[in-house]
């Protein structure tokens, strides 16, 4: 990997370590859980055949595959991510001959081909920038005049019980995670509409719109409470809170999480609310 600026090193280490391994391990389930959000974001992006697209934080490839289908053989999708294990899984999954290429790089500093792309797209890949205005200014250099930006990012954690309920159960047994400042990177760093507008305006984007969208996510993937429990233990803030804890603590947290999730179970589904922003903007 290239040399990265110090502010992003913590996230780079996480997504090349336990965070990336967890997502690779849970790739099929996570893709299933997040299908409704990916569909909404792709539809909002209005991807056209022949377009050149950057998929920011493409992860294990779910969005890459759909974007490649939309642009067709006359277009191309560039997948950018800092996580080597997640990109390796994405490369395994992309169909042979798909118009896709990958780069393992930090979008804050990667030298994109100037004015070469029609669309910047991201499903939950932009909230971890330490200097987001700098990151988006660099990304904007890749866009043609009139090029588009479409992002999906989480709203406040209080509006996302699918992540908050497991986290509260974990806190019965582990210390709370450090409370981030409003400017710190993290999954909810784009929850503030005012902050997102400021970041994108400072980076040079215009016609910025944030549309709130609400979903019910089945974290069990139609496989019952044990599948929901594994999702809750492996993904999201609760998984970060469990880092470094021993087997006894993991067992205690699992017991508390199971009790917390049981009220949401209906047959083999365990569905909880999720809340995002669909963000669009234009490169003037």
C-alpha atoms as a PDB file:
ATOM      1  CA  UNK A   1       0.000   0.000   0.000  1.00  0.00           C
ATOM      2  CA  UNK A   2       1.130   3.602  -0.521  1.00  0.00           C
ATOM      3  CA  UNK A   3       2.211   5.848   2.317  1.00  0.00           C
ATOM      4  CA  UNK A   4      -0.809   7.406   4.025  1.00  0.00           C
ATOM      5  CA  UNK A   5      -1.132  10.639   5.970  1.00  0.00           C
ATOM      6  CA  UNK A   6      -1.060  10.096   9.717  1.00  0.00           C
ATOM      7  CA  UNK A   7      -4.665  11.225  10.431  1.00  0.00           C
ATOM      8  CA  UNK A   8      -6.068   8.195   8.608  1.00  0.00           C
ATOM      9  CA  UNK A   9      -3.718   5.574  10.038  1.00  0.00           C
ATOM     10  CA  UNK A  10      -6.126   4.359  12.736  1.00  0.00           C
ATOM     11  CA  UNK A  11      -8.866   3.573  10.215  1.00  0.00           C
ATOM     12  CA  UNK A  12      -6.372   2.077   7.765  1.00  0.00           C
ATOM     13  CA  UNK A  13      -5.133  -0.275  10.480  1.00  0.00           C
ATOM     14  CA  UNK A  14      -8.671  -1.217  11.541  1.00  0.00           C
ATOM     15  CA  UNK A  15      -9.939  -1.998   8.054  1.00  0.00           C
ATOM     16  CA  UNK A  16      -6.811  -3.992   7.240  1.00  0.00           C
ATOM     17  CA  UNK A  17      -7.159  -5.823  10.555  1.00  0.00           C
ATOM     18  CA  UNK A  18     -10.157  -6.961  12.552  1.00  0.00           C
ATOM     19  CA  UNK A  19     -12.665  -4.671  10.798  1.00  0.00           C
ATOM     20  CA  UNK A  20     -11.772  -5.923   7.342  1.00  0.00           C
ATOM     21  CA  UNK A  21     -11.634  -9.554   8.461  1.00  0.00           C
ATOM     22  CA  UNK A  22     -15.093  -9.303  10.036  1.00  0.00           C
ATOM     23  CA  UNK A  23     -16.623  -7.839   6.882  1.00  0.00           C
ATOM     24  CA  UNK A  24     -15.019 -10.508   4.701  1.00  0.00           C
ATOM     25  CA  UNK A  25     -16.284 -13.201   7.078  1.00  0.00           C
ATOM     26  CA  UNK A  26     -19.794 -11.710   7.055  1.00  0.00           C
ATOM     27  CA  UNK A  27     -19.806 -10.584   3.420  1.00  0.00           C
ATOM     28  CA  UNK A  28     -22.775 -12.649   2.208  1.00  0.00           C
ATOM     29  CA  UNK A  29     -24.934 -11.777   5.193  1.00  0.00           C
ATOM     30  CA  UNK A  30     -24.014  -8.092   5.148  1.00  0.00           C
ATOM     31  CA  UNK A  31     -24.780  -7.834   1.452  1.00  0.00           C
ATOM     32  CA  UNK A  32     -28.203  -9.382   2.089  1.00  0.00           C
ATOM     33  CA  UNK A  33     -28.946  -7.114   5.042  1.00  0.00           C
ATOM     34  CA  UNK A  34     -28.007  -3.947   3.163  1.00  0.00           C
ATOM     35  CA  UNK A  35     -29.704  -4.770  -0.179  1.00  0.00           C
ATOM     36  CA  UNK A  36     -32.565  -2.255   0.354  1.00  0.00           C
ATOM     37  CA  UNK A  37     -30.113   0.575   1.016  1.00  0.00           C
ATOM     38  CA  UNK A  38     -27.878  -0.293  -1.932  1.00  0.00           C
ATOM     39  CA  UNK A  39     -30.896  -0.367  -4.255  1.00  0.00           C
ATOM     40  CA  UNK A  40     -32.048   3.037  -3.014  1.00  0.00           C
ATOM     41  CA  UNK A  41     -28.593   4.558  -3.477  1.00  0.00           C
ATOM     42  CA  UNK A  42     -28.098   3.072  -6.959  1.00  0.00           C
ATOM     43  CA  UNK A  43     -31.527   4.313  -8.042  1.00  0.00           C
ATOM     44  CA  UNK A  44     -30.785   7.791  -6.696  1.00  0.00           C
ATOM     45  CA  UNK A  45     -27.467   7.855  -8.597  1.00  0.00           C
ATOM     46  CA  UNK A  46     -29.302   7.255 -11.913  1.00  0.00           C
ATOM     47  CA  UNK A  47     -26.307   5.403 -13.357  1.00  0.00           C
ATOM     48  CA  UNK A  48     -26.271   5.302 -17.150  1.00  0.00           C
ATOM     49  CA  UNK A  49     -24.638   2.990 -19.666  1.00  0.00           C
ATOM     50  CA  UNK A  50     -21.197   4.063 -20.744  1.00  0.00           C
ATOM     51  CA  UNK A  51     -20.498   6.149 -17.655  1.00  0.00           C
ATOM     52  CA  UNK A  52     -17.198   6.232 -15.783  1.00  0.00           C
ATOM     53  CA  UNK A  53     -17.761   5.748 -12.032  1.00  0.00           C
ATOM     54  CA  UNK A  54     -15.630   5.830  -8.879  1.00  0.00           C
ATOM     55  CA  UNK A  55     -16.921   3.583  -6.077  1.00  0.00           C
ATOM     56  CA  UNK A  56     -15.459   5.134  -2.906  1.00  0.00           C
ATOM     57  CA  UNK A  57     -14.837   2.599  -0.141  1.00  0.00           C
ATOM     58  CA  UNK A  58     -16.063  -0.215  -2.360  1.00  0.00           C
ATOM     59  CA  UNK A  59     -15.341  -2.839   0.308  1.00  0.00           C
ATOM     60  CA  UNK A  60     -16.146  -6.417  -0.630  1.00  0.00           C
ATOM     61  CA  UNK A  61     -17.726  -5.449  -3.936  1.00  0.00           C
ATOM     62  CA  UNK A  62     -21.526  -5.454  -3.630  1.00  0.00           C
ATOM     63  CA  UNK A  63     -21.877  -1.944  -5.042  1.00  0.00           C
ATOM     64  CA  UNK A  64     -19.138  -2.493  -7.625  1.00  0.00           C
ATOM     65  CA  UNK A  65     -20.990  -5.416  -9.161  1.00  0.00           C
ATOM     66  CA  UNK A  66     -24.265  -3.501  -9.480  1.00  0.00           C
ATOM     67  CA  UNK A  67     -22.561  -0.374 -10.806  1.00  0.00           C
ATOM     68  CA  UNK A  68     -20.710  -2.453 -13.416  1.00  0.00           C
ATOM     69  CA  UNK A  69     -24.001  -3.974 -14.569  1.00  0.00           C
ATOM     70  CA  UNK A  70     -25.479  -0.484 -14.971  1.00  0.00           C
ATOM     71  CA  UNK A  71     -22.584   1.070 -16.921  1.00  0.00           C
ATOM     72  CA  UNK A  72     -22.175  -1.963 -19.182  1.00  0.00           C
ATOM     73  CA  UNK A  73     -19.209  -2.835 -21.368  1.00  0.00           C
ATOM     74  CA  UNK A  74     -18.899   0.722 -22.671  1.00  0.00           C
ATOM     75  CA  UNK A  75     -18.369   2.126 -19.173  1.00  0.00           C
ATOM     76  CA  UNK A  76     -16.018   1.433 -16.294  1.00  0.00           C
ATOM     77  CA  UNK A  77     -16.062   1.382 -12.488  1.00  0.00           C
ATOM     78  CA  UNK A  78     -12.986   2.150 -10.392  1.00  0.00           C
ATOM     79  CA  UNK A  79     -13.213   0.613  -6.929  1.00  0.00           C
ATOM     80  CA  UNK A  80     -11.139   2.441  -4.302  1.00  0.00           C
ATOM     81  CA  UNK A  81     -10.625   1.145  -0.774  1.00  0.00           C
ATOM     82  CA  UNK A  82      -7.954   1.147   1.947  1.00  0.00           C
ATOM     83  CA  UNK A  83      -8.657  -2.472   2.971  1.00  0.00           C
ATOM     84  CA  UNK A  84      -6.579  -5.130   1.232  1.00  0.00           C
ATOM     85  CA  UNK A  85      -8.650  -8.074   2.569  1.00  0.00           C
ATOM     86  CA  UNK A  86     -11.924  -6.491   1.495  1.00  0.00           C
ATOM     87  CA  UNK A  87     -10.584  -5.676  -1.971  1.00  0.00           C
ATOM     88  CA  UNK A  88      -9.306  -9.231  -2.313  1.00  0.00           C
ATOM     89  CA  UNK A  89     -12.830 -10.535  -1.671  1.00  0.00           C
ATOM     90  CA  UNK A  90     -14.248  -8.017  -4.134  1.00  0.00           C
ATOM     91  CA  UNK A  91     -11.826  -9.203  -6.811  1.00  0.00           C
ATOM     92  CA  UNK A  92     -12.938 -12.797  -6.226  1.00  0.00           C
ATOM     93  CA  UNK A  93     -16.584 -11.850  -6.706  1.00  0.00           C
ATOM     94  CA  UNK A  94     -16.511  -9.591  -9.765  1.00  0.00           C
ATOM     95  CA  UNK A  95     -17.639 -11.542 -12.856  1.00  0.00           C
ATOM     96  CA  UNK A  96     -14.970 -12.201 -15.505  1.00  0.00           C
ATOM     97  CA  UNK A  97     -14.861  -9.445 -18.066  1.00  0.00           C
ATOM     98  CA  UNK A  98     -16.771  -6.955 -15.925  1.00  0.00           C
ATOM     99  CA  UNK A  99     -15.737  -3.330 -16.582  1.00  0.00           C
ATOM    100  CA  UNK A 100     -14.098  -2.978 -13.166  1.00  0.00           C
ATOM    101  CA  UNK A 101     -10.654  -2.157 -11.870  1.00  0.00           C
ATOM    102  CA  UNK A 102      -9.392  -1.755  -8.309  1.00  0.00           C
ATOM    103  CA  UNK A 103      -6.944   0.419  -6.440  1.00  0.00           C
ATOM    104  CA  UNK A 104      -5.917  -0.057  -2.811  1.00  0.00           C
ATOM    105  CA  UNK A 105      -5.470   3.569  -1.812  1.00  0.00           C
ATOM    106  CA  UNK A 106      -6.638   6.406   0.400  1.00  0.00           C
ATOM    107  CA  UNK A 107      -9.072   8.568  -1.569  1.00  0.00           C
ATOM    108  CA  UNK A 108      -7.717  11.580   0.323  1.00  0.00           C
ATOM    109  CA  UNK A 109      -4.404  11.453  -1.517  1.00  0.00           C
ATOM    110  CA  UNK A 110      -4.833   9.120  -4.514  1.00  0.00           C
ATOM    111  CA  UNK A 111      -3.931  10.908  -7.787  1.00  0.00           C
ATOM    112  CA  UNK A 112      -7.155  10.388  -9.747  1.00  0.00           C
ATOM    113  CA  UNK A 113      -7.134  11.030 -13.468  1.00  0.00           C
ATOM    114  CA  UNK A 114      -8.447  14.604 -13.659  1.00  0.00           C
ATOM    115  CA  UNK A 115     -11.967  15.221 -14.948  1.00  0.00           C
ATOM    116  CA  UNK A 116     -12.300  11.624 -16.138  1.00  0.00           C
ATOM    117  CA  UNK A 117     -15.425  10.421 -14.291  1.00  0.00           C
ATOM    118  CA  UNK A 118     -19.152  11.053 -14.476  1.00  0.00           C
ATOM    119  CA  UNK A 119     -20.113   9.840 -10.994  1.00  0.00           C
ATOM    120  CA  UNK A 120     -18.647   9.463  -7.514  1.00  0.00           C
ATOM    121  CA  UNK A 121     -20.632   6.844  -5.603  1.00  0.00           C
ATOM    122  CA  UNK A 122     -20.371   5.457  -2.094  1.00  0.00           C
ATOM    123  CA  UNK A 123     -22.412   3.212   0.153  1.00  0.00           C
ATOM    124  CA  UNK A 124     -21.025   3.872   3.662  1.00  0.00           C
ATOM    125  CA  UNK A 125     -17.458   4.411   2.449  1.00  0.00           C
ATOM    126  CA  UNK A 126     -16.908   8.099   3.246  1.00  0.00           C
ATOM    127  CA  UNK A 127     -17.552   8.560   6.985  1.00  0.00           C
ATOM    128  CA  UNK A 128     -14.042   7.540   8.067  1.00  0.00           C
ATOM    129  CA  UNK A 129     -12.002  10.371   6.534  1.00  0.00           C
ATOM    130  CA  UNK A 130      -9.969  12.274   9.129  1.00  0.00           C
ATOM    131  CA  UNK A 131      -9.985  15.385   6.916  1.00  0.00           C
ATOM    132  CA  UNK A 132     -13.189  14.968   4.883  1.00  0.00           C
ATOM    133  CA  UNK A 133     -13.145  18.339   3.118  1.00  0.00           C
ATOM    134  CA  UNK A 134      -9.636  17.554   1.858  1.00  0.00           C
ATOM    135  CA  UNK A 135     -10.745  14.068   0.843  1.00  0.00           C
ATOM    136  CA  UNK A 136     -13.756  15.314  -1.108  1.00  0.00           C
ATOM    137  CA  UNK A 137     -11.745  18.101  -2.730  1.00  0.00           C
ATOM    138  CA  UNK A 138      -9.370  15.437  -4.039  1.00  0.00           C
ATOM    139  CA  UNK A 139     -12.263  13.250  -5.167  1.00  0.00           C
ATOM    140  CA  UNK A 140     -13.858  16.195  -6.973  1.00  0.00           C
ATOM    141  CA  UNK A 141     -10.761  16.512  -9.161  1.00  0.00           C
ATOM    142  CA  UNK A 142     -11.784  13.175 -10.693  1.00  0.00           C
ATOM    143  CA  UNK A 143     -15.177  14.508 -11.819  1.00  0.00           C
ATOM    144  CA  UNK A 144     -15.954  16.122 -15.108  1.00  0.00           C
ATOM    145  CA  UNK A 145     -17.745  19.490 -14.951  1.00  0.00           C
ATOM    146  CA  UNK A 146     -21.374  18.659 -14.212  1.00  0.00           C
ATOM    147  CA  UNK A 147     -20.369  15.283 -12.760  1.00  0.00           C
ATOM    148  CA  UNK A 148     -22.438  13.862  -9.926  1.00  0.00           C
ATOM    149  CA  UNK A 149     -21.928  12.656  -6.365  1.00  0.00           C
ATOM    150  CA  UNK A 150     -24.223  10.143  -4.641  1.00  0.00           C
ATOM    151  CA  UNK A 151     -23.606   8.892  -1.097  1.00  0.00           C
ATOM    152  CA  UNK A 152     -25.407   6.757   1.457  1.00  0.00           C
ATOM    153  CA  UNK A 153     -24.364   7.516   5.041  1.00  0.00           C
ATOM    154  CA  UNK A 154     -25.842   6.802   8.458  1.00  0.00           C
ATOM    155  CA  UNK A 155     -27.912   9.313  10.376  1.00  0.00           C
ATOM    156  CA  UNK A 156     -27.622   9.473  14.195  1.00  0.00           C
ATOM    157  CA  UNK A 157     -27.058   6.276  16.146  1.00  0.00           C
ATOM    158  CA  UNK A 158     -30.275   6.959  18.110  1.00  0.00           C
ATOM    159  CA  UNK A 159     -32.113   6.608  14.780  1.00  0.00           C
ATOM    160  CA  UNK A 160     -30.406   3.271  14.049  1.00  0.00           C
ATOM    161  CA  UNK A 161     -31.648   0.664  16.535  1.00  0.00           C
ATOM    162  CA  UNK A 162     -30.146  -2.123  14.417  1.00  0.00           C
ATOM    163  CA  UNK A 163     -26.761  -0.878  15.707  1.00  0.00           C
ATOM    164  CA  UNK A 164     -27.801   0.777  18.993  1.00  0.00           C
ATOM    165  CA  UNK A 165     -29.673  -2.173  20.536  1.00  0.00           C
ATOM    166  CA  UNK A 166     -26.662  -4.540  20.330  1.00  0.00           C
ATOM    167  CA  UNK A 167     -24.301  -1.794  21.504  1.00  0.00           C
ATOM    168  CA  UNK A 168     -26.357  -1.098  24.628  1.00  0.00           C
ATOM    169  CA  UNK A 169     -26.374  -4.816  25.412  1.00  0.00           C
ATOM    170  CA  UNK A 170     -22.581  -4.929  25.023  1.00  0.00           C
ATOM    171  CA  UNK A 171     -22.224  -1.987  27.415  1.00  0.00           C
ATOM    172  CA  UNK A 172     -23.666  -4.140  30.183  1.00  0.00           C
ATOM    173  CA  UNK A 173     -20.281  -5.918  30.190  1.00  0.00           C
ATOM    174  CA  UNK A 174     -17.646  -3.726  28.500  1.00  0.00           C
ATOM    175  CA  UNK A 175     -16.570  -0.088  28.889  1.00  0.00           C
ATOM    176  CA  UNK A 176     -18.268   2.392  26.552  1.00  0.00           C
ATOM    177  CA  UNK A 177     -16.377   3.407  23.464  1.00  0.00           C
ATOM    178  CA  UNK A 178     -14.780   6.863  23.631  1.00  0.00           C
ATOM    179  CA  UNK A 179     -17.360   9.475  22.711  1.00  0.00           C
ATOM    180  CA  UNK A 180     -16.260  11.004  19.397  1.00  0.00           C
ATOM    181  CA  UNK A 181     -16.246  14.728  18.832  1.00  0.00           C
ATOM    182  CA  UNK A 182     -18.497  16.037  16.037  1.00  0.00           C
ATOM    183  CA  UNK A 183     -15.475  16.236  13.730  1.00  0.00           C
ATOM    184  CA  UNK A 184     -14.041  12.771  14.430  1.00  0.00           C
ATOM    185  CA  UNK A 185     -14.228  10.015  11.776  1.00  0.00           C
ATOM    186  CA  UNK A 186     -16.578   7.132  12.441  1.00  0.00           C
ATOM    187  CA  UNK A 187     -19.768   5.475  11.207  1.00  0.00           C
ATOM    188  CA  UNK A 188     -21.964   8.392  12.344  1.00  0.00           C
ATOM    189  CA  UNK A 189     -19.671  11.274  11.420  1.00  0.00           C
ATOM    190  CA  UNK A 190     -22.010  12.265   8.563  1.00  0.00           C
ATOM    191  CA  UNK A 191     -25.142  12.239  10.728  1.00  0.00           C
ATOM    192  CA  UNK A 192     -25.294  16.046  10.917  1.00  0.00           C
ATOM    193  CA  UNK A 193     -26.940  17.583   7.864  1.00  0.00           C
ATOM    194  CA  UNK A 194     -25.187  20.885   8.593  1.00  0.00           C
ATOM    195  CA  UNK A 195     -21.765  19.224   8.759  1.00  0.00           C
ATOM    196  CA  UNK A 196     -22.240  17.303   5.507  1.00  0.00           C
ATOM    197  CA  UNK A 197     -23.297  20.465   3.719  1.00  0.00           C
ATOM    198  CA  UNK A 198     -20.270  22.313   5.076  1.00  0.00           C
ATOM    199  CA  UNK A 199     -17.822  19.552   4.077  1.00  0.00           C
ATOM    200  CA  UNK A 200     -19.137  19.280   0.534  1.00  0.00           C
ATOM    201  CA  UNK A 201     -19.386  23.058   0.052  1.00  0.00           C
ATOM    202  CA  UNK A 202     -15.810  23.495   1.294  1.00  0.00           C
ATOM    203  CA  UNK A 203     -14.724  20.808  -1.183  1.00  0.00           C
ATOM    204  CA  UNK A 204     -16.344  22.747  -4.038  1.00  0.00           C
ATOM    205  CA  UNK A 205     -19.583  20.797  -4.624  1.00  0.00           C
ATOM    206  CA  UNK A 206     -22.884  22.532  -5.302  1.00  0.00           C
ATOM    207  CA  UNK A 207     -26.599  21.621  -5.488  1.00  0.00           C
ATOM    208  CA  UNK A 208     -26.207  19.543  -2.308  1.00  0.00           C
ATOM    209  CA  UNK A 209     -29.305  17.636  -1.196  1.00  0.00           C
ATOM    210  CA  UNK A 210     -29.688  15.320   1.808  1.00  0.00           C
ATOM    211  CA  UNK A 211     -32.765  13.102   1.676  1.00  0.00           C
ATOM    212  CA  UNK A 212     -33.625  11.141   4.849  1.00  0.00           C
ATOM    213  CA  UNK A 213     -34.584   7.533   4.198  1.00  0.00           C
ATOM    214  CA  UNK A 214     -35.757   4.922   6.701  1.00  0.00           C
ATOM    215  CA  UNK A 215     -35.540   1.136   6.435  1.00  0.00           C
ATOM    216  CA  UNK A 216     -36.229  -2.059   8.356  1.00  0.00           C
ATOM    217  CA  UNK A 217     -33.187  -4.329   8.165  1.00  0.00           C
ATOM    218  CA  UNK A 218     -33.495  -8.048   8.834  1.00  0.00           C
ATOM    219  CA  UNK A 219     -30.183  -8.704  10.563  1.00  0.00           C
ATOM    220  CA  UNK A 220     -31.064 -12.405  10.707  1.00  0.00           C
ATOM    221  CA  UNK A 221     -31.276 -12.758   6.895  1.00  0.00           C
ATOM    222  CA  UNK A 222     -34.333 -15.010   7.434  1.00  0.00           C
ATOM    223  CA  UNK A 223     -32.206 -17.414   9.521  1.00  0.00           C
ATOM    224  CA  UNK A 224     -33.337 -16.697  13.068  1.00  0.00           C
ATOM    225  CA  UNK A 225     -31.969 -15.249  16.272  1.00  0.00           C
ATOM    226  CA  UNK A 226     -28.540 -16.944  16.171  1.00  0.00           C
ATOM    227  CA  UNK A 227     -27.753 -15.412  12.792  1.00  0.00           C
ATOM    228  CA  UNK A 228     -28.921 -12.027  14.082  1.00  0.00           C
ATOM    229  CA  UNK A 229     -26.667 -12.449  17.099  1.00  0.00           C
ATOM    230  CA  UNK A 230     -23.617 -13.174  14.947  1.00  0.00           C
ATOM    231  CA  UNK A 231     -24.339 -10.069  12.875  1.00  0.00           C
ATOM    232  CA  UNK A 232     -24.595  -7.961  16.019  1.00  0.00           C
ATOM    233  CA  UNK A 233     -21.382  -9.365  17.497  1.00  0.00           C
ATOM    234  CA  UNK A 234     -19.270  -8.986  14.346  1.00  0.00           C
ATOM    235  CA  UNK A 235     -20.392  -5.750  12.701  1.00  0.00           C
ATOM    236  CA  UNK A 236     -20.780  -2.168  13.822  1.00  0.00           C
ATOM    237  CA  UNK A 237     -19.965  -0.285  17.031  1.00  0.00           C
ATOM    238  CA  UNK A 238     -20.640  -3.320  19.241  1.00  0.00           C
ATOM    239  CA  UNK A 239     -17.881  -5.250  17.477  1.00  0.00           C
ATOM    240  CA  UNK A 240     -15.452  -2.399  18.156  1.00  0.00           C
ATOM    241  CA  UNK A 241     -16.468  -2.352  21.824  1.00  0.00           C
ATOM    242  CA  UNK A 242     -15.678  -6.084  22.033  1.00  0.00           C
ATOM    243  CA  UNK A 243     -12.157  -5.778  20.628  1.00  0.00           C
ATOM    244  CA  UNK A 244      -9.599  -7.268  22.983  1.00  0.00           C
ATOM    245  CA  UNK A 245     -12.160  -8.897  25.273  1.00  0.00           C
ATOM    246  CA  UNK A 246     -11.809 -12.520  26.321  1.00  0.00           C
ATOM    247  CA  UNK A 247     -14.148 -15.500  25.815  1.00  0.00           C
ATOM    248  CA  UNK A 248     -16.019 -15.009  29.103  1.00  0.00           C
ATOM    249  CA  UNK A 249     -16.915 -11.423  28.236  1.00  0.00           C
ATOM    250  CA  UNK A 250     -17.933 -12.446  24.706  1.00  0.00           C
ATOM    251  CA  UNK A 251     -20.235 -15.105  26.159  1.00  0.00           C
ATOM    252  CA  UNK A 252     -21.802 -12.645  28.588  1.00  0.00           C
ATOM    253  CA  UNK A 253     -22.328 -10.061  25.856  1.00  0.00           C
ATOM    254  CA  UNK A 254     -23.872 -12.691  23.571  1.00  0.00           C
ATOM    255  CA  UNK A 255     -26.361 -13.609  26.283  1.00  0.00           C
ATOM    256  CA  UNK A 256     -27.352  -9.973  26.814  1.00  0.00           C
ATOM    257  CA  UNK A 257     -27.594  -9.308  23.085  1.00  0.00           C
ATOM    258  CA  UNK A 258     -29.803 -12.338  22.551  1.00  0.00           C
ATOM    259  CA  UNK A 259     -32.237 -11.065  25.182  1.00  0.00           C
ATOM    260  CA  UNK A 260     -32.158  -7.585  23.658  1.00  0.00           C
ATOM    261  CA  UNK A 261     -32.878  -8.867  20.141  1.00  0.00           C
ATOM    262  CA  UNK A 262     -35.600 -11.388  20.987  1.00  0.00           C
ATOM    263  CA  UNK A 263     -38.405  -8.756  21.134  1.00  0.00           C
ATOM    264  CA  UNK A 264     -37.658  -7.931  17.470  1.00  0.00           C
ATOM    265  CA  UNK A 265     -37.926 -11.534  16.267  1.00  0.00           C
ATOM    266  CA  UNK A 266     -40.842 -12.525  14.046  1.00  0.00           C
ATOM    267  CA  UNK A 267     -40.514 -16.131  12.869  1.00  0.00           C
ATOM    268  CA  UNK A 268     -37.015 -16.315  11.358  1.00  0.00           C
ATOM    269  CA  UNK A 269     -36.709 -12.544  10.868  1.00  0.00           C
ATOM    270  CA  UNK A 270     -35.108 -10.109  13.314  1.00  0.00           C
ATOM    271  CA  UNK A 271     -35.853  -6.678  11.880  1.00  0.00           C
ATOM    272  CA  UNK A 272     -34.772  -3.353  13.333  1.00  0.00           C
ATOM    273  CA  UNK A 273     -34.949   0.211  12.088  1.00  0.00           C
ATOM    274  CA  UNK A 274     -32.147   1.888  10.164  1.00  0.00           C
ATOM    275  CA  UNK A 275     -31.855   5.521   9.084  1.00  0.00           C
ATOM    276  CA  UNK A 276     -29.638   7.028   6.382  1.00  0.00           C
ATOM    277  CA  UNK A 277     -29.055  10.122   4.350  1.00  0.00           C
ATOM    278  CA  UNK A 278     -29.044   9.833   0.590  1.00  0.00           C
ATOM    279  CA  UNK A 279     -26.729  12.664  -0.396  1.00  0.00           C
ATOM    280  CA  UNK A 280     -26.448  14.093  -3.881  1.00  0.00           C
ATOM    281  CA  UNK A 281     -24.321  16.934  -5.207  1.00  0.00           C
ATOM    282  CA  UNK A 282     -22.867  18.269  -8.442  1.00  0.00           C
ATOM    283  CA  UNK A 283     -19.410  19.358  -9.562  1.00  0.00           C
ATOM    284  CA  UNK A 284     -20.021  22.818 -11.052  1.00  0.00           C
END
